[in-house]
Amino acid sequence: MNGKVTIESVVDSHTQSSSKSTENFYKETAKQQGFEKETLNQTGVTGSSVYINGKNVAINAANVQAKDGTLQVGDATLATDDSGNLKLDDNGKPIVLAGSIDNLDLGTIELENREWDEKQKGYKGIFKGVMQVAGAVGGALGITDGITISKSQGRDTTSTSEEVTTLEGSNVVVGGNTVNAKGTQITATAEGAQAVVLGNNIDLGVARTTTKTNDYKQEEVIGGEGIKFTNDSLQLLMILRIM
């Protein structure tokens, strides 16, 4: 009862990237692609019945399952009258006051994934110099608006997701003086069964999934006014909240 209990899944990561370049006597092109991916190696606690207790308990992105019986995290303190008899609510069920755990955290683990796709091309060597002169002269004479010496474009997408804790049993009882449950999925599988969360301070938060995409384009143009760099960038952000 005086100890600390932590049940936590771990994160695996994998990175892959590739690049390709081609060139001839006056131009060169390059392309880079890749991804960084994190996956959850989920910790599981399974039994016919499962009982977890401690002074401070943290269960982060784990799967806890009682296959045939009750899943109980903490002990319940039930209301009694002056004679020690159980007090019942209007439906004839015991009134739960608090749980035995001081602090119960049913937390998440954040995963981050990233993908990128980039391309570049442009003149090289002496031909780059020739095109720079041609662009400057042509621009000055009004023959051309400018010559593109090099350009690059790409897309970079980053997404994050919070993997949640799942509690499942024929009946589920969760108790603590302070309970923080972020996106936790609590399921009582028996017919007519209850999933009960009890405590003095209960915070049922949400888990979030976000996606951020950055599209960009850059050009180096030479005209009568000299070298100009143009940059275009578009960022899109999407946030999904999971109860």
C-alpha atoms as a PDB file:
ATOM      1  CA  MET A   1       0.000   0.000   0.000  1.00  0.00           C
ATOM      2  CA  ASN A   2       2.966   2.346   0.531  1.00  0.00           C
ATOM      3  CA  GLY A   3       4.664   1.625  -2.775  1.00  0.00           C
ATOM      4  CA  LYS A   4       4.636   3.142  -6.223  1.00  0.00           C
ATOM      5  CA  VAL A   5       3.314   1.109  -9.159  1.00  0.00           C
ATOM      6  CA  THR A   6       4.184   2.022 -12.755  1.00  0.00           C
ATOM      7  CA  ILE A   7       2.957   0.134 -15.817  1.00  0.00           C
ATOM      8  CA  GLU A   8       4.195   1.740 -19.022  1.00  0.00           C
ATOM      9  CA  SER A   9       4.503   0.799 -22.670  1.00  0.00           C
ATOM     10  CA  VAL A  10       7.666   1.580 -24.629  1.00  0.00           C
ATOM     11  CA  VAL A  11       8.246   3.295 -27.961  1.00  0.00           C
ATOM     12  CA  ASP A  12      10.068   1.775 -30.927  1.00  0.00           C
ATOM     13  CA  SER A  13      11.418   4.048 -33.651  1.00  0.00           C
ATOM     14  CA  HIS A  14      12.404   3.456 -37.273  1.00  0.00           C
ATOM     15  CA  THR A  15      14.001   5.859 -39.753  1.00  0.00           C
ATOM     16  CA  GLN A  16      14.432   5.425 -43.484  1.00  0.00           C
ATOM     17  CA  SER A  17      15.685   7.894 -46.087  1.00  0.00           C
ATOM     18  CA  SER A  18      16.783   7.822 -49.706  1.00  0.00           C
ATOM     19  CA  SER A  19      18.346  10.317 -52.066  1.00  0.00           C
ATOM     20  CA  LYS A  20      18.875  10.379 -55.800  1.00  0.00           C
ATOM     21  CA  SER A  21      20.748  12.823 -58.004  1.00  0.00           C
ATOM     22  CA  THR A  22      21.248  13.125 -61.744  1.00  0.00           C
ATOM     23  CA  GLU A  23      23.316  15.564 -63.770  1.00  0.00           C
ATOM     24  CA  ASN A  24      24.527  16.347 -67.241  1.00  0.00           C
ATOM     25  CA  PHE A  25      26.997  18.890 -68.514  1.00  0.00           C
ATOM     26  CA  TYR A  26      24.844  21.924 -67.644  1.00  0.00           C
ATOM     27  CA  LYS A  27      22.140  20.907 -65.131  1.00  0.00           C
ATOM     28  CA  GLU A  28      21.753  18.861 -61.964  1.00  0.00           C
ATOM     29  CA  THR A  29      18.728  17.537 -60.110  1.00  0.00           C
ATOM     30  CA  ALA A  30      18.347  15.947 -56.690  1.00  0.00           C
ATOM     31  CA  LYS A  31      15.562  14.307 -54.722  1.00  0.00           C
ATOM     32  CA  GLN A  32      15.305  13.267 -51.086  1.00  0.00           C
ATOM     33  CA  GLN A  33      12.559  11.219 -49.463  1.00  0.00           C
ATOM     34  CA  GLY A  34      12.220   9.599 -46.096  1.00  0.00           C
ATOM     35  CA  PHE A  35      10.308   9.025 -42.916  1.00  0.00           C
ATOM     36  CA  GLU A  36      10.750   8.736 -39.162  1.00  0.00           C
ATOM     37  CA  LYS A  37       8.138   6.517 -37.548  1.00  0.00           C
ATOM     38  CA  GLU A  38       7.426   5.689 -33.907  1.00  0.00           C
ATOM     39  CA  THR A  39       5.274   2.720 -32.907  1.00  0.00           C
ATOM     40  CA  LEU A  40       4.004   1.602 -29.536  1.00  0.00           C
ATOM     41  CA  ASN A  41       5.301  -1.633 -28.064  1.00  0.00           C
ATOM     42  CA  GLN A  42       2.354  -1.970 -25.735  1.00  0.00           C
ATOM     43  CA  THR A  43       2.661  -3.404 -22.262  1.00  0.00           C
ATOM     44  CA  GLY A  44      -0.184  -5.730 -21.288  1.00  0.00           C
ATOM     45  CA  VAL A  45      -1.462  -7.103 -17.984  1.00  0.00           C
ATOM     46  CA  THR A  46      -3.930  -9.977 -18.420  1.00  0.00           C
ATOM     47  CA  GLY A  47      -5.600 -12.431 -16.056  1.00  0.00           C
ATOM     48  CA  SER A  48      -8.908 -14.009 -15.152  1.00  0.00           C
ATOM     49  CA  SER A  49      -9.228 -11.199 -12.625  1.00  0.00           C
ATOM     50  CA  VAL A  50      -6.797  -8.321 -12.140  1.00  0.00           C
ATOM     51  CA  TYR A  51      -6.175  -6.269  -9.000  1.00  0.00           C
ATOM     52  CA  ILE A  52      -3.738  -3.350  -8.916  1.00  0.00           C
ATOM     53  CA  ASN A  53      -3.089  -1.249  -5.830  1.00  0.00           C
ATOM     54  CA  GLY A  54      -0.499   1.092  -4.383  1.00  0.00           C
ATOM     55  CA  LYS A  55      -0.068   4.521  -2.862  1.00  0.00           C
ATOM     56  CA  ASN A  56       0.742   6.088  -6.237  1.00  0.00           C
ATOM     57  CA  VAL A  57      -0.162   4.251  -9.442  1.00  0.00           C
ATOM     58  CA  ALA A  58       0.681   5.240 -13.031  1.00  0.00           C
ATOM     59  CA  ILE A  59      -0.576   3.255 -16.033  1.00  0.00           C
ATOM     60  CA  ASN A  60       0.614   4.788 -19.292  1.00  0.00           C
ATOM     61  CA  ALA A  61      -0.645   3.570 -22.695  1.00  0.00           C
ATOM     62  CA  ALA A  62      -0.940   0.012 -21.362  1.00  0.00           C
ATOM     63  CA  ASN A  63      -3.645  -2.593 -21.936  1.00  0.00           C
ATOM     64  CA  VAL A  64      -4.996  -4.092 -18.705  1.00  0.00           C
ATOM     65  CA  GLN A  65      -7.570  -6.852 -19.133  1.00  0.00           C
ATOM     66  CA  ALA A  66      -9.476  -9.160 -16.787  1.00  0.00           C
ATOM     67  CA  LYS A  67     -10.772 -11.862 -19.106  1.00  0.00           C
ATOM     68  CA  ASP A  68     -13.348 -13.532 -16.877  1.00  0.00           C
ATOM     69  CA  GLY A  69     -13.712 -11.410 -13.769  1.00  0.00           C
ATOM     70  CA  THR A  70     -13.354  -7.982 -12.223  1.00  0.00           C
ATOM     71  CA  LEU A  71     -10.636  -5.510 -13.048  1.00  0.00           C
ATOM     72  CA  GLN A  72      -9.994  -3.444  -9.944  1.00  0.00           C
ATOM     73  CA  VAL A  73      -7.503  -0.612  -9.576  1.00  0.00           C
ATOM     74  CA  GLY A  74      -7.502   0.484  -5.923  1.00  0.00           C
ATOM     75  CA  ASP A  75      -9.894  -0.318  -3.090  1.00  0.00           C
ATOM     76  CA  ALA A  76     -13.220   1.408  -2.564  1.00  0.00           C
ATOM     77  CA  THR A  77     -14.223   3.259   0.585  1.00  0.00           C
ATOM     78  CA  LEU A  78     -17.998   2.988   0.951  1.00  0.00           C
ATOM     79  CA  ALA A  79     -20.308   5.281   2.890  1.00  0.00           C
ATOM     80  CA  THR A  80     -21.731   3.940   6.178  1.00  0.00           C
ATOM     81  CA  ASP A  81     -24.115   5.254   8.804  1.00  0.00           C
ATOM     82  CA  ASP A  82     -23.331   5.756  12.506  1.00  0.00           C
ATOM     83  CA  SER A  83     -23.994   2.077  13.169  1.00  0.00           C
ATOM     84  CA  GLY A  84     -21.552   0.952  10.485  1.00  0.00           C
ATOM     85  CA  ASN A  85     -24.211  -0.134   8.033  1.00  0.00           C
ATOM     86  CA  LEU A  86     -23.741   0.578   4.326  1.00  0.00           C
ATOM     87  CA  LYS A  87     -25.546   3.606   2.955  1.00  0.00           C
ATOM     88  CA  LEU A  88     -27.376   2.975  -0.290  1.00  0.00           C
ATOM     89  CA  ASP A  89     -28.357   5.408  -3.021  1.00  0.00           C
ATOM     90  CA  ASP A  90     -31.846   5.734  -4.490  1.00  0.00           C
ATOM     91  CA  ASN A  91     -31.181   2.714  -6.685  1.00  0.00           C
ATOM     92  CA  GLY A  92     -30.189   0.517  -3.753  1.00  0.00           C
ATOM     93  CA  LYS A  93     -26.473   0.538  -4.561  1.00  0.00           C
ATOM     94  CA  PRO A  94     -23.603   1.323  -2.151  1.00  0.00           C
ATOM     95  CA  ILE A  95     -22.350   4.904  -2.104  1.00  0.00           C
ATOM     96  CA  VAL A  96     -18.645   5.111  -2.993  1.00  0.00           C
ATOM     97  CA  LEU A  97     -16.675   7.797  -1.168  1.00  0.00           C
ATOM     98  CA  ALA A  98     -13.079   7.419  -2.362  1.00  0.00           C
ATOM     99  CA  GLY A  99     -10.338   5.039  -3.377  1.00  0.00           C
ATOM    100  CA  SER A 100      -7.282   3.761  -1.560  1.00  0.00           C
ATOM    101  CA  ILE A 101      -4.759   5.179  -4.045  1.00  0.00           C
ATOM    102  CA  ASP A 102      -3.539   8.722  -3.370  1.00  0.00           C
ATOM    103  CA  ASN A 103      -2.703   9.536  -6.979  1.00  0.00           C
ATOM    104  CA  LEU A 104      -3.855   7.471  -9.946  1.00  0.00           C
ATOM    105  CA  ASP A 105      -2.573   8.463 -13.384  1.00  0.00           C
ATOM    106  CA  LEU A 106      -4.058   6.767 -16.436  1.00  0.00           C
ATOM    107  CA  GLY A 107      -1.790   8.484 -18.913  1.00  0.00           C
ATOM    108  CA  THR A 108      -0.800   8.484 -22.552  1.00  0.00           C
ATOM    109  CA  ILE A 109       2.411   8.138 -24.535  1.00  0.00           C
ATOM    110  CA  GLU A 110       3.008  10.482 -27.453  1.00  0.00           C
ATOM    111  CA  LEU A 111       4.152   9.107 -30.798  1.00  0.00           C
ATOM    112  CA  GLU A 112       5.625  11.311 -33.528  1.00  0.00           C
ATOM    113  CA  ASN A 113       5.848  10.496 -37.222  1.00  0.00           C
ATOM    114  CA  ARG A 114       7.468  12.571 -39.950  1.00  0.00           C
ATOM    115  CA  GLU A 115       7.600  12.277 -43.738  1.00  0.00           C
ATOM    116  CA  TRP A 116       9.450  14.455 -46.220  1.00  0.00           C
ATOM    117  CA  ASP A 117       9.753  14.729 -49.990  1.00  0.00           C
ATOM    118  CA  GLU A 118      12.119  17.335 -51.467  1.00  0.00           C
ATOM    119  CA  LYS A 119      13.304  18.157 -54.995  1.00  0.00           C
ATOM    120  CA  GLN A 120      15.959  20.560 -56.293  1.00  0.00           C
ATOM    121  CA  LYS A 121      17.222  21.415 -59.768  1.00  0.00           C
ATOM    122  CA  GLY A 122      19.339  24.114 -61.355  1.00  0.00           C
ATOM    123  CA  TYR A 123      22.180  25.085 -63.652  1.00  0.00           C
ATOM    124  CA  LYS A 124      25.729  24.279 -62.617  1.00  0.00           C
ATOM    125  CA  GLY A 125      29.303  25.341 -63.246  1.00  0.00           C
ATOM    126  CA  ILE A 126      30.087  27.642 -66.136  1.00  0.00           C
ATOM    127  CA  PHE A 127      26.544  27.354 -67.482  1.00  0.00           C
ATOM    128  CA  LYS A 128      25.211  28.819 -64.264  1.00  0.00           C
ATOM    129  CA  GLY A 129      27.391  31.841 -64.827  1.00  0.00           C
ATOM    130  CA  VAL A 130      26.290  32.124 -68.463  1.00  0.00           C
ATOM    131  CA  MET A 131      22.601  32.011 -67.510  1.00  0.00           C
ATOM    132  CA  GLN A 132      23.164  34.591 -64.779  1.00  0.00           C
ATOM    133  CA  VAL A 133      24.625  36.993 -67.337  1.00  0.00           C
ATOM    134  CA  ALA A 134      21.882  36.213 -69.854  1.00  0.00           C
ATOM    135  CA  GLY A 135      19.201  36.836 -67.257  1.00  0.00           C
ATOM    136  CA  ALA A 136      20.710  40.123 -66.127  1.00  0.00           C
ATOM    137  CA  VAL A 137      21.212  41.417 -69.678  1.00  0.00           C
ATOM    138  CA  GLY A 138      17.847  40.164 -70.951  1.00  0.00           C
ATOM    139  CA  GLY A 139      16.098  41.727 -67.983  1.00  0.00           C
ATOM    140  CA  ALA A 140      17.860  45.042 -68.442  1.00  0.00           C
ATOM    141  CA  LEU A 141      16.889  45.144 -72.140  1.00  0.00           C
ATOM    142  CA  GLY A 142      13.326  44.095 -71.404  1.00  0.00           C
ATOM    143  CA  ILE A 143      13.692  40.879 -73.390  1.00  0.00           C
ATOM    144  CA  THR A 144      12.834  38.644 -70.445  1.00  0.00           C
ATOM    145  CA  ASP A 145      11.404  38.928 -66.938  1.00  0.00           C
ATOM    146  CA  GLY A 146      14.288  36.843 -65.692  1.00  0.00           C
ATOM    147  CA  ILE A 147      15.803  33.388 -65.899  1.00  0.00           C
ATOM    148  CA  THR A 148      15.324  30.778 -63.186  1.00  0.00           C
ATOM    149  CA  ILE A 149      18.774  29.591 -62.122  1.00  0.00           C
ATOM    150  CA  SER A 150      17.650  27.095 -59.512  1.00  0.00           C
ATOM    151  CA  LYS A 151      14.509  26.027 -57.716  1.00  0.00           C
ATOM    152  CA  SER A 152      13.474  23.679 -54.976  1.00  0.00           C
ATOM    153  CA  GLN A 153      10.173  22.469 -53.581  1.00  0.00           C
ATOM    154  CA  GLY A 154       8.969  19.960 -51.070  1.00  0.00           C
ATOM    155  CA  ARG A 155       6.507  18.824 -48.466  1.00  0.00           C
ATOM    156  CA  ASP A 156       7.227  18.067 -44.818  1.00  0.00           C
ATOM    157  CA  THR A 157       4.497  16.441 -42.709  1.00  0.00           C
ATOM    158  CA  THR A 158       4.697  15.844 -38.970  1.00  0.00           C
ATOM    159  CA  SER A 159       1.961  14.078 -37.022  1.00  0.00           C
ATOM    160  CA  THR A 160       1.688  13.335 -33.315  1.00  0.00           C
ATOM    161  CA  SER A 161      -0.752  11.047 -31.551  1.00  0.00           C
ATOM    162  CA  GLU A 162      -1.327  10.162 -27.928  1.00  0.00           C
ATOM    163  CA  GLU A 163      -1.746   6.438 -27.324  1.00  0.00           C
ATOM    164  CA  VAL A 164      -4.159   5.810 -24.471  1.00  0.00           C
ATOM    165  CA  THR A 165      -4.603   3.288 -21.669  1.00  0.00           C
ATOM    166  CA  THR A 166      -7.330   0.644 -21.999  1.00  0.00           C
ATOM    167  CA  LEU A 167      -8.999  -1.069 -19.030  1.00  0.00           C
ATOM    168  CA  GLU A 168     -11.353  -3.973 -19.675  1.00  0.00           C
ATOM    169  CA  GLY A 169     -13.091  -6.512 -17.460  1.00  0.00           C
ATOM    170  CA  SER A 170     -16.442  -8.092 -16.672  1.00  0.00           C
ATOM    171  CA  ASN A 171     -16.748  -5.293 -14.123  1.00  0.00           C
ATOM    172  CA  VAL A 172     -14.303  -2.400 -13.774  1.00  0.00           C
ATOM    173  CA  VAL A 173     -13.700  -0.432 -10.584  1.00  0.00           C
ATOM    174  CA  VAL A 174     -11.147   2.389 -10.584  1.00  0.00           C
ATOM    175  CA  GLY A 175     -10.484   4.419  -7.452  1.00  0.00           C
ATOM    176  CA  GLY A 176      -8.119   7.057  -6.127  1.00  0.00           C
ATOM    177  CA  ASN A 177      -8.223  10.225  -4.104  1.00  0.00           C
ATOM    178  CA  THR A 178      -6.978  11.985  -7.238  1.00  0.00           C
ATOM    179  CA  VAL A 179      -7.689  10.371 -10.614  1.00  0.00           C
ATOM    180  CA  ASN A 180      -6.296  11.734 -13.887  1.00  0.00           C
ATOM    181  CA  ALA A 181      -7.518   9.781 -16.907  1.00  0.00           C
ATOM    182  CA  LYS A 182      -6.468  11.159 -20.291  1.00  0.00           C
ATOM    183  CA  GLY A 183      -8.432   9.598 -23.128  1.00  0.00           C
ATOM    184  CA  THR A 184      -8.647   6.332 -21.200  1.00  0.00           C
ATOM    185  CA  GLN A 185     -10.941   3.640 -22.589  1.00  0.00           C
ATOM    186  CA  ILE A 186     -12.767   1.812 -19.782  1.00  0.00           C
ATOM    187  CA  THR A 187     -15.018  -1.099 -20.779  1.00  0.00           C
ATOM    188  CA  ALA A 188     -17.176  -3.402 -18.628  1.00  0.00           C
ATOM    189  CA  THR A 189     -17.995  -6.426 -20.788  1.00  0.00           C
ATOM    190  CA  ALA A 190     -20.518  -8.376 -18.684  1.00  0.00           C
ATOM    191  CA  GLU A 191     -24.203  -7.871 -19.368  1.00  0.00           C
ATOM    192  CA  GLY A 192     -25.598  -5.294 -16.963  1.00  0.00           C
ATOM    193  CA  ALA A 193     -22.129  -4.647 -15.526  1.00  0.00           C
ATOM    194  CA  GLN A 194     -20.765  -1.294 -14.422  1.00  0.00           C
ATOM    195  CA  ALA A 195     -17.580   0.639 -15.012  1.00  0.00           C
ATOM    196  CA  VAL A 196     -17.058   2.776 -11.898  1.00  0.00           C
ATOM    197  CA  VAL A 197     -14.529   5.590 -11.487  1.00  0.00           C
ATOM    198  CA  LEU A 198     -14.383   6.997  -7.978  1.00  0.00           C
ATOM    199  CA  GLY A 199     -12.369   9.656  -6.189  1.00  0.00           C
ATOM    200  CA  ASN A 200     -12.370  13.053  -4.530  1.00  0.00           C
ATOM    201  CA  ASN A 201     -10.778  14.740  -7.550  1.00  0.00           C
ATOM    202  CA  ILE A 202     -11.400  13.227 -10.986  1.00  0.00           C
ATOM    203  CA  ASP A 203     -10.119  14.694 -14.255  1.00  0.00           C
ATOM    204  CA  LEU A 204     -11.290  12.893 -17.388  1.00  0.00           C
ATOM    205  CA  GLY A 205      -9.182  14.552 -20.081  1.00  0.00           C
ATOM    206  CA  VAL A 206      -8.820  13.990 -23.813  1.00  0.00           C
ATOM    207  CA  ALA A 207      -6.054  12.620 -26.007  1.00  0.00           C
ATOM    208  CA  ARG A 208      -5.032  14.605 -29.062  1.00  0.00           C
ATOM    209  CA  THR A 209      -3.848  13.792 -32.565  1.00  0.00           C
ATOM    210  CA  THR A 210      -2.246  16.609 -34.564  1.00  0.00           C
ATOM    211  CA  THR A 211      -1.020  16.805 -38.148  1.00  0.00           C
ATOM    212  CA  LYS A 212       1.120  19.648 -39.483  1.00  0.00           C
ATOM    213  CA  THR A 213       1.939  19.896 -43.195  1.00  0.00           C
ATOM    214  CA  ASN A 214       4.412  22.399 -44.636  1.00  0.00           C
ATOM    215  CA  ASP A 215       4.497  22.876 -48.433  1.00  0.00           C
ATOM    216  CA  TYR A 216       7.276  25.135 -49.650  1.00  0.00           C
ATOM    217  CA  LYS A 217       8.814  26.397 -52.878  1.00  0.00           C
ATOM    218  CA  GLN A 218      11.921  28.488 -53.508  1.00  0.00           C
ATOM    219  CA  GLU A 219      13.254  29.947 -56.742  1.00  0.00           C
ATOM    220  CA  GLU A 220      16.435  31.860 -57.620  1.00  0.00           C
ATOM    221  CA  VAL A 221      15.677  34.177 -60.529  1.00  0.00           C
ATOM    222  CA  ILE A 222      18.095  36.583 -62.235  1.00  0.00           C
ATOM    223  CA  GLY A 223      16.790  39.542 -64.222  1.00  0.00           C
ATOM    224  CA  GLY A 224      17.582  43.168 -64.820  1.00  0.00           C
ATOM    225  CA  GLU A 225      17.355  43.956 -61.108  1.00  0.00           C
ATOM    226  CA  GLY A 226      19.822  41.251 -60.187  1.00  0.00           C
ATOM    227  CA  ILE A 227      19.196  38.095 -58.165  1.00  0.00           C
ATOM    228  CA  LYS A 228      15.755  37.615 -56.582  1.00  0.00           C
ATOM    229  CA  PHE A 229      14.751  34.830 -54.235  1.00  0.00           C
ATOM    230  CA  THR A 230      11.093  33.910 -53.952  1.00  0.00           C
ATOM    231  CA  ASN A 231       9.768  31.803 -51.122  1.00  0.00           C
ATOM    232  CA  ASP A 232       6.282  30.377 -50.887  1.00  0.00           C
ATOM    233  CA  SER A 233       5.200  28.360 -47.888  1.00  0.00           C
ATOM    234  CA  LEU A 234       1.839  26.965 -46.809  1.00  0.00           C
ATOM    235  CA  GLN A 235       1.296  25.369 -43.424  1.00  0.00           C
ATOM    236  CA  LEU A 236      -1.770  23.323 -42.534  1.00  0.00           C
ATOM    237  CA  LEU A 237      -2.518  22.215 -38.975  1.00  0.00           C
ATOM    238  CA  MET A 238      -5.204  19.733 -37.951  1.00  0.00           C
ATOM    239  CA  ILE A 239      -6.015  18.787 -34.356  1.00  0.00           C
ATOM    240  CA  LEU A 240      -8.258  15.860 -33.454  1.00  0.00           C
ATOM    241  CA  ARG A 241      -9.359  15.375 -29.857  1.00  0.00           C
ATOM    242  CA  ILE A 242     -10.230  11.851 -28.717  1.00  0.00           C
ATOM    243  CA  MET A 243     -12.432  11.487 -25.674  1.00  0.00           C
END
